[in-house]
Amino acid sequence: MEEPKNQLDFNFASDDLLEFPRDLGEEGWFQFNSEQKQAFLRVEEKFGIVLNKRVRLRLRGWEEEFVGKLVLDSLLLPSPATETIRLRFGGMTFENTDIDYCISL
């Protein structure tokens, strides 16, 4: 009678380990991420701002400059027809129309 084989006795070709099918969810994530980046670029171009990167910012009515990361105040991206958007810089929230200038660092 032949003894049962141990899993370690099988000769797996090392190339087969690289042949696993891709995770379809991963492809969905890459597509979502790419579409989100494109949407942020459209918002940046439309409103003349730089999002999610370090910027030097000056607001109308303020004499000082602020340095930090400018982000949307909402998790939802604005619709294409939107004329103003709410932004957040640290603990401050304001509209894009309050920006005197915004320079990427």
Protein backbone atom coordinates (compact mmCIF):
# COMPACT_ATOMS: atom_id res chain seq x y z
CA MET A 1 0.00 0.00 0.00
CA GLU A 2 1.33 3.44 -0.99
CA GLU A 3 1.70 6.08 1.72
CA PRO A 4 -0.26 9.33 1.31
CA LYS A 5 1.82 12.18 -0.05
CA ASN A 6 2.53 15.22 2.05
CA GLN A 7 1.74 18.60 0.48
CA LEU A 8 5.43 19.46 0.65
CA ASP A 9 6.17 16.51 -1.61
CA PHE A 10 4.47 18.12 -4.61
CA ASN A 11 6.73 19.85 -7.08
CA PHE A 12 5.09 23.23 -7.74
CA ALA A 13 6.73 25.15 -10.56
CA SER A 14 7.72 28.60 -9.31
CA ASP A 15 6.29 30.24 -12.46
CA ASP A 16 2.82 28.96 -11.56
CA LEU A 17 2.81 31.15 -8.45
CA LEU A 18 2.85 34.23 -10.69
CA GLU A 19 -0.07 32.98 -12.80
CA PHE A 20 -2.86 33.50 -10.26
CA PRO A 21 -5.82 35.37 -11.72
CA ARG A 22 -6.00 39.07 -10.93
CA ASP A 23 -8.45 40.23 -8.33
CA LEU A 24 -11.32 41.87 -10.23
CA GLY A 25 -11.97 44.16 -7.25
CA GLU A 26 -8.44 45.49 -7.65
CA GLU A 27 -9.16 46.55 -11.22
CA GLY A 28 -12.31 48.30 -10.01
CA TRP A 29 -10.26 50.16 -7.42
CA PHE A 30 -7.75 51.34 -10.02
CA GLN A 31 -10.59 52.57 -12.25
CA PHE A 32 -12.28 54.37 -9.32
CA ASN A 33 -8.97 55.94 -8.28
CA SER A 34 -8.24 57.11 -11.83
CA GLU A 35 -11.72 58.62 -12.24
CA GLN A 36 -11.43 60.37 -8.88
CA LYS A 37 -8.08 61.93 -9.85
CA GLN A 38 -9.59 63.17 -13.11
CA ALA A 39 -12.54 64.68 -11.23
CA PHE A 40 -10.20 66.49 -8.81
CA LEU A 41 -8.20 67.85 -11.76
CA ARG A 42 -11.39 69.22 -13.32
CA VAL A 43 -12.33 70.91 -10.01
CA GLU A 44 -8.83 72.38 -9.69
CA GLU A 45 -8.92 73.75 -13.25
CA LYS A 46 -12.42 75.19 -12.94
CA PHE A 47 -11.79 76.97 -9.63
CA GLY A 48 -8.07 77.75 -10.06
CA ILE A 49 -7.01 75.96 -6.88
CA VAL A 50 -4.71 73.10 -5.86
CA LEU A 51 -6.33 70.36 -3.75
CA ASN A 52 -4.78 67.79 -1.42
CA LYS A 53 -1.25 69.20 -1.75
CA ARG A 54 0.76 71.72 0.25
CA VAL A 55 -0.04 75.26 -0.81
CA ARG A 56 0.61 78.85 0.20
CA LEU A 57 -2.77 80.50 0.52
CA ARG A 58 -4.01 84.00 1.17
CA LEU A 59 -7.64 84.79 1.90
CA ARG A 60 -9.33 88.08 1.10
CA GLY A 61 -9.43 90.30 4.19
CA TRP A 62 -6.50 88.50 5.88
CA GLU A 63 -3.01 89.96 5.93
CA GLU A 64 -1.25 86.72 6.74
CA GLU A 65 -0.44 83.81 4.42
CA PHE A 66 -1.26 80.24 5.35
CA VAL A 67 0.77 77.16 4.44
CA GLY A 68 -0.78 73.71 4.51
CA LYS A 69 -3.09 71.38 2.64
CA LEU A 70 -6.26 72.69 0.98
CA VAL A 71 -9.11 70.14 0.83
CA LEU A 72 -12.78 70.02 -0.07
CA ASP A 73 -15.05 70.55 2.94
CA SER A 74 -17.31 67.73 1.73
CA LEU A 75 -16.51 64.19 0.69
CA LEU A 76 -18.76 64.70 -2.33
CA LEU A 77 -17.33 66.32 -5.42
CA PRO A 78 -19.27 69.37 -6.64
CA SER A 79 -21.54 69.08 -9.66
CA PRO A 80 -20.31 70.61 -12.95
CA ALA A 81 -22.85 73.45 -12.63
CA THR A 82 -21.57 74.52 -9.19
CA GLU A 83 -20.19 78.06 -9.13
CA THR A 84 -18.69 78.06 -5.61
CA ILE A 85 -17.36 75.30 -3.39
CA ARG A 86 -16.70 75.01 0.33
CA LEU A 87 -13.05 74.37 1.18
CA ARG A 88 -11.19 73.52 4.36
CA PHE A 89 -7.71 74.58 5.38
CA GLY A 90 -6.79 73.28 8.82
CA GLY A 91 -9.70 74.30 11.07
CA MET A 92 -10.95 77.06 8.76
CA THR A 93 -13.75 76.61 6.23
CA PHE A 94 -14.48 79.10 3.46
CA GLU A 95 -15.60 79.33 -0.15
CA ASN A 96 -13.29 79.39 -3.15
CA THR A 97 -14.35 82.99 -3.82
CA ASP A 98 -12.65 84.00 -0.53
CA ILE A 99 -9.22 83.02 -1.92
CA ASP A 100 -6.96 85.89 -2.95
CA TYR A 101 -4.32 83.47 -4.27
CA CYS A 102 -3.29 79.82 -3.94
CA ILE A 103 0.22 78.66 -4.91
CA SER A 104 1.40 75.05 -4.95
CA LEU A 105 4.59 74.41 -2.92
